[in-house]
Every structure is written in structure tokens, then in C-alpha cells.
Protein backbone atom coordinates (compact mmCIF):
# COMPACT_ATOMS: atom_id res chain seq x y z
CA MET A 1 1.83 -52.83 81.66
CA ASN A 2 1.61 -49.00 82.06
CA GLN A 3 2.02 -47.25 79.07
CA GLU A 4 4.20 -44.62 80.79
CA VAL A 5 6.41 -47.43 82.12
CA GLY A 6 6.76 -48.66 78.64
CA MET A 7 7.56 -45.12 77.28
CA ARG A 8 10.32 -44.76 79.88
CA ILE A 9 11.93 -48.04 78.90
CA GLN A 10 11.72 -47.19 75.37
CA LYS A 11 13.78 -43.89 76.12
CA LEU A 12 16.05 -45.94 78.03
CA VAL A 13 16.65 -48.51 75.19
CA ARG A 14 17.14 -45.82 72.75
CA ARG A 15 19.35 -43.70 74.96
CA SER A 16 21.66 -46.77 75.33
CA GLY A 17 22.03 -47.42 71.54
CA MET A 18 20.51 -51.12 72.10
CA ARG A 19 18.46 -52.76 69.40
CA VAL A 20 15.26 -54.68 70.61
CA LYS A 21 17.61 -57.95 70.08
CA ASP A 22 20.30 -56.76 72.23
CA PHE A 23 17.66 -55.73 75.02
CA ALA A 24 16.28 -59.03 74.79
CA GLU A 25 19.40 -60.81 75.12
CA LYS A 26 20.17 -58.90 78.04
CA LEU A 27 17.18 -59.81 79.88
CA SER A 28 17.04 -63.43 78.64
CA VAL A 29 13.64 -62.89 76.90
CA THR A 30 12.38 -63.44 73.39
CA PRO A 31 12.87 -60.47 70.87
CA GLU A 32 8.93 -60.39 70.66
CA THR A 33 8.67 -60.06 74.39
CA ALA A 34 11.30 -57.36 74.59
CA SER A 35 9.26 -55.45 72.05
CA ARG A 36 5.91 -55.77 73.93
CA ILE A 37 7.97 -54.70 76.96
CA ILE A 38 9.19 -51.54 75.10
CA ASN A 39 5.82 -50.74 73.84
CA GLY A 40 4.04 -51.15 77.28
CA LYS A 41 2.08 -54.21 76.25
CA TYR A 42 3.51 -56.74 78.42
CA ASN A 43 2.99 -57.08 81.92
CA VAL A 44 6.40 -57.01 83.74
CA SER A 45 6.86 -59.21 86.78
CA PRO A 46 8.78 -57.80 89.54
CA VAL A 47 12.02 -59.76 89.10
CA LEU A 48 11.82 -58.75 85.31
CA ALA A 49 11.32 -55.22 86.45
CA GLN A 50 14.32 -55.34 88.71
CA ARG A 51 16.64 -56.81 85.91
CA ILE A 52 15.66 -53.93 83.56
CA ALA A 53 16.52 -51.63 86.23
CA ASP A 54 19.90 -53.33 86.88
CA LEU A 55 20.43 -53.35 83.13
CA PHE A 56 20.14 -49.51 83.10
CA PHE A 57 21.08 -48.16 86.52
CA THR A 58 24.19 -50.34 87.45
CA SER A 59 26.30 -48.95 84.65
CA GLY A 60 29.23 -46.95 85.57
CA GLY A 61 28.78 -44.37 82.40
CA PHE A 62 25.92 -42.74 83.68
CA ASN A 63 25.19 -39.81 86.41
CA GLN A 64 24.42 -42.12 89.48
CA ASN A 65 22.09 -39.30 91.06
CA ARG A 66 20.24 -38.82 87.79
CA LEU A 67 20.14 -42.64 87.55
CA ARG A 68 18.63 -43.22 91.07
CA HIS A 69 15.94 -40.72 90.40
CA SER A 70 15.12 -42.40 87.24
CA ARG A 71 15.07 -45.64 88.65
CA ALA A 72 12.63 -44.42 91.28
CA ARG A 73 10.26 -43.02 88.78
CA VAL A 74 10.52 -46.47 86.73
CA CYS A 75 9.75 -48.55 89.77
CA SER A 76 7.07 -46.07 91.37
CA ALA A 77 5.26 -46.36 87.75
CA TYR A 78 5.31 -49.94 87.88
CA LEU A 79 4.25 -50.33 91.40
CA TRP A 80 1.58 -47.84 90.77
CA ALA A 81 0.35 -49.08 87.65
């Protein structure tokens, strides 16, 4: 996985206030896998990438325009990695 994508996911997790364990549970992965995702050391499948995007970008508590832009950057980085 691209380190840039991992860094973006790490920022999203930190901003959300989630712990790695919480992130793992929401994605239905082990805490070890969640840690590897956050650190950019896990090759995320398109399905898992969509689950990550859905986790962070469907919440009503965020500015939707900003989220759409961030989602596009995360997905673009994933696709072009």
C-alpha cells in the first residue's frame, strides 16, 4: 500500500478520536491488520478501501464538500499507487 494513503488514513483515524481497536472493529479486521493499514503496510483491497471511505465519509458530522474532496484524494492515491 502506498505510504501516502496510509498517512491520510492515519490522519482520519486520529481526527475521529478512534483507537486502533475501534477502527479494526468498524472494518471487521484484526487490530494488527488495522495497524498495518494505518501505517501504509497493508495492501488494501478495493472492497476494504470502500469500507474505509464509507466509515469516514458518510458521517453527518463533517462538512460534506471537504469530505468529498478528501475521499477523492484517498481513492485516487489508492488507485494510482
